[in-house]
Protein backbone atom coordinates (compact mmCIF):
# COMPACT_ATOMS: atom_id res chain seq x y z
CA MET A 1 0.08 -0.05 -0.05
CA PRO A 2 1.48 3.25 -1.10
CA ARG A 3 2.21 6.08 1.81
CA CYS A 4 -0.80 8.23 2.07
CA ILE A 5 -1.49 11.52 4.74
CA LEU A 6 -4.69 11.70 5.96
CA SER A 7 -3.74 13.80 8.63
CA PRO A 8 -0.67 15.92 10.09
CA LEU A 9 -0.33 13.53 12.87
CA ASP A 10 0.93 10.88 9.78
CA LEU A 11 4.06 12.77 9.80
CA THR A 12 6.52 12.50 12.75
CA VAL A 13 7.97 15.96 14.05
CA GLU A 14 11.39 14.61 12.43
CA GLU A 15 9.21 14.23 9.09
CA LEU A 16 7.72 17.83 9.24
CA ASP A 17 11.25 19.43 10.18
CA GLU A 18 12.42 17.65 6.85
CA LEU A 19 9.57 18.60 4.55
CA MET A 20 10.12 22.21 5.76
CA ASP A 21 13.63 22.13 4.80
CA THR A 22 13.22 21.11 1.65
CA ALA A 23 10.40 23.62 0.93
CA MET A 24 12.75 26.03 1.88
CA ASP A 25 15.33 24.97 -0.26
CA ILE A 26 13.09 25.04 -3.11
CA MET A 27 12.19 28.56 -2.24
CA LYS A 28 15.96 29.46 -2.38
CA ASP A 29 16.58 27.50 -5.63
CA PRO A 30 13.50 26.67 -7.52
CA GLU A 31 15.31 25.27 -10.90
CA LYS A 32 17.06 22.59 -9.27
CA TYR A 33 13.42 21.11 -8.46
CA SER A 34 12.08 22.07 -11.88
CA HIS A 35 12.26 19.03 -13.71
CA THR A 36 11.37 16.35 -10.81
CA MET A 37 8.43 15.55 -11.78
CA ASP A 38 8.68 15.44 -15.45
CA GLY A 39 6.13 12.49 -16.63
CA LYS A 40 4.54 12.57 -13.22
CA VAL A 41 0.80 13.24 -12.94
CA LEU A 42 -0.83 14.57 -10.06
CA ALA A 43 -4.81 14.12 -10.13
CA THR A 44 -7.04 16.59 -7.72
CA LEU A 45 -10.19 15.13 -7.08
CA PHE A 46 -12.14 17.67 -5.56
CA PHE A 47 -15.82 16.67 -4.53
CA GLU A 48 -16.49 20.09 -3.02
CA PRO A 49 -15.23 23.43 -4.58
CA SER A 50 -11.91 24.90 -3.40
CA THR A 51 -9.73 27.65 -4.95
CA ARG A 52 -6.59 28.21 -2.94
CA THR A 53 -6.09 24.38 -2.22
CA ARG A 54 -6.58 22.92 -5.63
CA LEU A 55 -4.99 25.57 -7.16
CA SER A 56 -1.97 25.10 -5.05
CA PHE A 57 -1.43 21.50 -5.64
CA GLU A 58 -1.54 22.08 -8.80
CA ALA A 59 0.55 25.15 -9.12
CA ALA A 60 3.04 22.95 -7.02
CA MET A 61 3.19 20.21 -9.41
CA LEU A 62 3.47 22.17 -12.67
CA ARG A 63 6.59 23.90 -10.81
CA LEU A 64 8.06 20.39 -10.17
CA GLY A 65 7.65 20.11 -14.01
CA GLY A 66 4.64 17.64 -13.70
CA LYS A 67 1.03 17.57 -15.14
CA THR A 68 -2.18 17.95 -13.14
CA MET A 69 -5.63 16.15 -13.89
CA GLY A 70 -8.73 15.72 -12.21
CA PHE A 71 -12.55 17.46 -11.13
CA HIS A 72 -13.51 20.56 -8.78
CA SER A 73 -16.72 19.41 -7.78
CA ALA A 74 -18.77 16.42 -7.32
CA ASP A 75 -21.49 17.82 -10.23
CA SER A 76 -18.54 17.51 -12.57
CA SER A 77 -17.41 13.79 -11.81
CA SER A 78 -19.09 10.19 -11.92
CA ALA A 79 -20.08 10.79 -8.79
CA THR A 80 -23.46 12.19 -9.78
CA LYS A 81 -24.37 8.66 -11.39
CA GLY A 82 -23.98 7.36 -8.03
CA GLU A 83 -20.08 6.09 -8.48
CA THR A 84 -18.84 5.29 -5.06
CA VAL A 85 -14.97 7.20 -3.67
CA ALA A 86 -13.67 3.81 -3.69
CA ASP A 87 -14.52 3.11 -7.50
CA THR A 88 -13.40 6.71 -8.54
CA ILE A 89 -9.83 5.92 -6.93
CA ARG A 90 -9.28 2.47 -8.24
CA VAL A 91 -9.82 4.52 -12.01
CA MET A 92 -8.06 7.24 -11.19
CA SER A 93 -4.90 5.06 -9.90
CA GLN A 94 -4.52 3.74 -13.46
CA PHE A 95 -3.98 7.84 -14.74
CA ALA A 96 -2.10 9.35 -11.86
CA ASP A 97 0.96 8.89 -10.14
CA ILE A 98 -0.26 10.54 -6.81
CA CYS A 99 -3.99 12.28 -6.20
CA ALA A 100 -4.72 14.96 -3.63
CA MET A 101 -8.62 14.68 -2.94
CA ARG A 102 -11.09 16.87 -1.33
CA HIS A 103 -14.96 15.45 -0.14
CA PRO A 104 -17.31 16.69 2.02
CA LYS A 105 -17.76 13.65 4.11
CA GLU A 106 -15.30 12.78 6.74
CA GLY A 107 -13.79 9.32 6.47
CA ALA A 108 -13.78 9.80 2.75
CA ALA A 109 -10.35 10.13 2.76
CA LEU A 110 -9.29 6.92 4.69
CA VAL A 111 -11.80 4.86 2.30
CA ALA A 112 -9.78 6.26 -0.86
CA ALA A 113 -6.58 5.25 0.93
CA GLU A 114 -7.76 1.78 1.62
CA LYS A 115 -8.61 1.51 -2.38
CA SER A 116 -5.93 3.35 -4.00
CA ASP A 117 -2.35 2.09 -5.59
CA ILE A 118 -1.01 5.65 -5.47
CA PRO A 119 -0.28 8.08 -2.48
CA ILE A 120 -3.43 9.97 -1.65
CA ILE A 121 -2.94 13.15 0.05
CA ASN A 122 -5.91 14.40 1.79
CA ALA A 123 -7.10 17.92 1.10
CA GLY A 124 -9.62 18.16 3.61
CA ASP A 125 -12.11 15.60 4.26
CA GLY A 126 -15.83 17.37 5.93
CA GLY A 127 -15.14 19.05 9.28
CA HIS A 128 -12.29 16.34 10.00
CA GLN A 129 -8.52 17.05 8.97
CA HIS A 130 -6.83 19.17 6.80
CA PRO A 131 -3.36 18.09 6.73
CA THR A 132 -1.80 19.86 4.27
CA GLN A 133 -3.44 23.49 5.28
CA THR A 134 -1.91 22.26 8.97
CA LEU A 135 1.74 21.91 7.14
CA THR A 136 1.07 25.66 5.37
CA ASP A 137 0.65 26.80 8.80
CA LEU A 138 3.52 25.44 10.21
CA MET A 139 5.62 26.29 7.60
CA THR A 140 4.60 30.02 7.68
CA ILE A 141 5.58 29.96 11.48
CA LYS A 142 8.74 28.32 11.07
CA ALA A 143 9.58 30.74 8.19
CA LEU A 144 8.46 33.91 10.05
CA LYS A 145 9.02 32.96 13.70
CA GLY A 146 11.76 30.71 13.31
CA HIS A 147 10.67 28.11 15.76
CA PHE A 148 7.55 26.40 17.61
CA ASP A 149 8.39 26.11 20.91
CA ASN A 150 7.38 28.63 23.74
CA LEU A 151 4.59 30.36 21.57
CA THR A 152 1.47 31.70 22.55
CA VAL A 153 -1.30 31.04 19.97
CA GLY A 154 -4.43 32.61 19.61
CA MET A 155 -7.50 30.40 17.71
CA CYS A 156 -10.46 33.11 17.00
CA GLY A 157 -13.97 32.62 15.56
CA ASP A 158 -15.26 29.13 14.57
CA LEU A 159 -13.44 26.73 16.61
CA LYS A 160 -16.49 24.23 17.00
CA PHE A 161 -16.78 23.29 12.88
CA GLY A 162 -12.77 24.56 11.81
CA ARG A 163 -10.67 21.42 10.85
CA THR A 164 -7.61 23.95 10.22
CA VAL A 165 -7.99 24.88 13.86
CA HIS A 166 -8.62 20.88 14.86
CA SER A 167 -5.73 19.76 12.81
CA LEU A 168 -3.31 23.01 13.97
CA ILE A 169 -3.77 22.10 17.63
CA ARG A 170 -3.01 18.67 16.83
CA ALA A 171 0.37 19.71 15.11
CA LEU A 172 1.74 22.04 17.83
CA VAL A 173 0.99 20.13 20.82
CA ARG A 174 3.82 18.31 20.30
CA TYR A 175 6.54 21.42 20.39
CA GLU A 176 7.46 22.47 24.21
CA ASN A 177 5.80 25.08 25.84
CA VAL A 178 3.30 26.00 23.61
CA LYS A 179 -0.06 27.80 25.05
CA PHE A 180 -3.47 28.21 23.79
CA ILE A 181 -5.80 30.94 24.21
CA PHE A 182 -9.52 30.18 21.96
CA ILE A 183 -11.76 33.33 21.60
CA SER A 184 -15.15 32.42 20.20
CA PRO A 185 -18.71 32.99 20.96
CA LYS A 186 -20.00 29.90 23.25
CA GLU A 187 -21.98 28.30 20.12
CA LEU A 188 -18.56 27.79 18.56
CA MET A 189 -16.57 26.91 21.32
CA LEU A 190 -13.69 24.25 21.02
CA PRO A 191 -15.44 20.84 21.25
CA GLY A 192 -15.04 18.53 23.89
CA TYR A 193 -13.01 15.76 22.38
CA ILE A 194 -10.08 18.41 21.66
CA ARG A 195 -10.39 20.27 25.18
CA ASP A 196 -10.47 17.04 27.17
CA ASP A 197 -8.88 14.50 25.18
CA LEU A 198 -5.84 16.28 23.52
CA LEU A 199 -5.57 19.67 25.58
CA ILE A 200 -6.28 17.92 29.36
CA ARG A 201 -5.29 14.72 28.86
CA ASN A 202 -1.53 16.35 27.78
CA ASN A 203 -1.76 18.97 30.75
CA VAL A 204 -1.10 21.50 27.66
CA GLU A 205 -2.14 25.36 28.84
CA PHE A 206 -4.98 26.69 27.35
CA ARG A 207 -7.93 29.05 28.20
CA GLU A 208 -10.83 29.90 26.81
CA VAL A 209 -12.51 33.36 26.01
CA THR A 210 -14.95 35.58 24.17
CA LYS A 211 -13.40 38.71 23.93
CA LEU A 212 -10.46 39.51 21.47
CA GLU A 213 -9.52 42.53 22.65
CA ASP A 214 -8.22 41.01 26.26
CA VAL A 215 -5.83 38.87 24.84
CA LEU A 216 -4.49 40.32 21.94
CA SER A 217 -1.39 41.43 23.76
CA GLU A 218 -0.66 38.46 25.15
CA LEU A 219 -0.28 36.57 21.85
CA ASP A 220 2.99 35.50 19.35
CA LEU A 221 0.03 34.33 16.84
CA LEU A 222 -3.12 34.80 16.07
CA TYR A 223 -5.03 32.37 13.86
CA MET A 224 -8.34 33.80 12.66
CA THR A 225 -11.19 31.73 11.19
CA ARG A 226 -14.54 32.62 9.20
CA VAL A 227 -17.88 31.36 10.44
CA GLN A 228 -18.58 29.07 7.88
CA ARG A 229 -22.21 29.42 6.51
CA GLU A 230 -21.89 25.59 5.08
CA ARG A 231 -21.21 24.23 8.63
CA PHE A 232 -24.78 25.45 10.04
CA PHE A 233 -27.93 23.83 9.83
CA ASN A 234 -29.96 27.07 9.65
CA GLU A 235 -29.16 30.65 8.04
CA GLU A 236 -30.52 32.07 11.36
CA ASP A 237 -27.44 30.76 13.04
CA TYR A 238 -24.96 31.77 10.73
CA VAL A 239 -26.30 35.38 10.58
CA ARG A 240 -26.17 35.84 14.20
CA LEU A 241 -22.54 34.93 14.67
CA LYS A 242 -20.76 35.54 11.33
CA ASP A 243 -19.76 39.00 12.44
CA PHE A 244 -18.77 38.40 16.13
CA TYR A 245 -15.44 38.92 15.20
CA ILE A 246 -13.50 41.43 12.87
CA LEU A 247 -9.93 41.89 13.39
CA ASP A 248 -9.40 46.04 12.34
CA ARG A 249 -6.81 48.14 12.48
CA LYS A 250 -7.93 49.49 16.38
CA LYS A 251 -7.87 46.18 17.46
CA MET A 252 -4.09 45.62 15.92
CA GLU A 253 -2.61 48.42 18.13
CA LEU A 254 -3.48 46.24 20.96
CA ALA A 255 -1.28 43.66 19.67
CA GLY A 256 2.19 43.16 19.76
CA LYS A 257 4.60 44.49 17.24
CA ASP A 258 5.81 41.01 16.47
CA MET A 259 2.35 39.02 16.52
CA LEU A 260 1.72 37.09 13.35
CA VAL A 261 -2.05 37.13 12.32
CA LEU A 262 -2.68 33.78 10.10
CA HIS A 263 -5.96 32.64 8.67
CA PRO A 264 -6.30 29.79 6.29
CA LEU A 265 -8.86 31.72 3.77
CA PRO A 266 -10.84 32.19 2.21
CA ARG A 267 -11.92 35.29 4.54
CA VAL A 268 -15.31 36.95 4.62
CA ASN A 269 -15.22 40.42 6.60
CA GLU A 270 -13.21 38.84 9.77
CA ILE A 271 -10.03 40.35 8.86
CA ALA A 272 -10.47 44.24 7.70
CA THR A 273 -8.85 44.77 4.29
CA GLU A 274 -7.22 47.95 5.91
CA ILE A 275 -4.54 45.64 7.73
CA ASP A 276 -3.63 44.04 4.37
CA ASP A 277 -0.57 45.93 4.45
CA ASP A 278 0.42 45.58 7.74
CA PRO A 279 3.75 43.72 8.23
CA ARG A 280 2.27 41.19 11.08
CA ALA A 281 -0.59 40.25 8.13
CA ALA A 282 0.97 37.20 7.03
CA TYR A 283 -1.88 35.24 5.17
CA PHE A 284 -0.95 36.07 1.75
CA LYS A 285 2.48 34.92 2.57
CA GLN A 286 0.46 31.80 3.75
CA VAL A 287 -1.21 31.16 0.47
CA ARG A 288 2.75 31.02 -1.09
CA TYR A 289 4.27 29.17 1.53
CA GLY A 290 1.56 26.19 1.52
CA MET A 291 2.57 26.07 -2.58
CA PHE A 292 6.24 25.55 -1.63
CA ILE A 293 5.34 23.02 1.35
CA ARG A 294 3.38 20.95 -1.27
CA MET A 295 5.90 20.81 -3.61
CA ALA A 296 7.87 19.03 -0.77
CA LEU A 297 5.27 16.38 0.28
CA ILE A 298 4.71 15.62 -3.32
CA LEU A 299 8.49 14.84 -3.68
CA LYS A 300 8.62 12.79 -0.18
CA LEU A 301 5.59 10.67 -1.22
CA LEU A 302 6.69 10.06 -4.57
CA ASP A 303 10.30 9.15 -3.11
CA VAL A 304 12.27 11.46 -5.09
CA LYS A 305 15.75 13.01 -3.97
CA VAL A 306 17.03 16.05 -5.06
CA LYS A 307 20.65 16.65 -4.22
């Protein structure tokens, strides 16, 4: 069975460090890597719409010299005819060398991995895992902070449904003395299984608050998230909570001069455009780092080493 990446925890801390080193090297000398995937094909199977993640994977493969194929929504695939994920993957395994897959159902990536003859990268499965976004987040922190230890990390917004939040917490707890401050309305608080089974069980220091202004001065890193309409059962709850937190210039004045602002994107209005030019705003740099870390991951899963 080929190696697949379904969760950030599928990679050891040592492997994460190795990936980030490779990504940094690609950034320094892209030409050295520009033909490493000649003759290889990446399948992007997106049963759920995406812009950044799908195009980031495609850009990564193209910059490595490979080619891409796939679909961008379930409507443009044989899923509309009732084809199962397992059968779709069996077919794609005949065409491609590696696959990035997004699906709205939790566990779909695991099903794909069990039936695939090629490496599968989970590009998001429901509210569950989104490992390459976590790699992107880690890469951004490493590039701009230089380390993961001894950071105070604020996570703000939709902490209940946000798969990027859950994945990043799981990754960061493996480093020394990382503290968390969770900022959300009570309806969107962190799920109990993350709070109890991961944080409390591992003696990770954290606290939960509702006001962003109260904690900005304490943070080394602020991870903003949008309130996702697609995760709500009714429109009324979404409308009531979607503007609960808006990070603007006035709030940024309360933050330290070295605090980084990250966001998995897309944003709606939770980060005001007036802070886009603030040197602490890292979310567009984050997109670029995401492409390089995906390039490194493709190389690793296809066991291509560059000297």
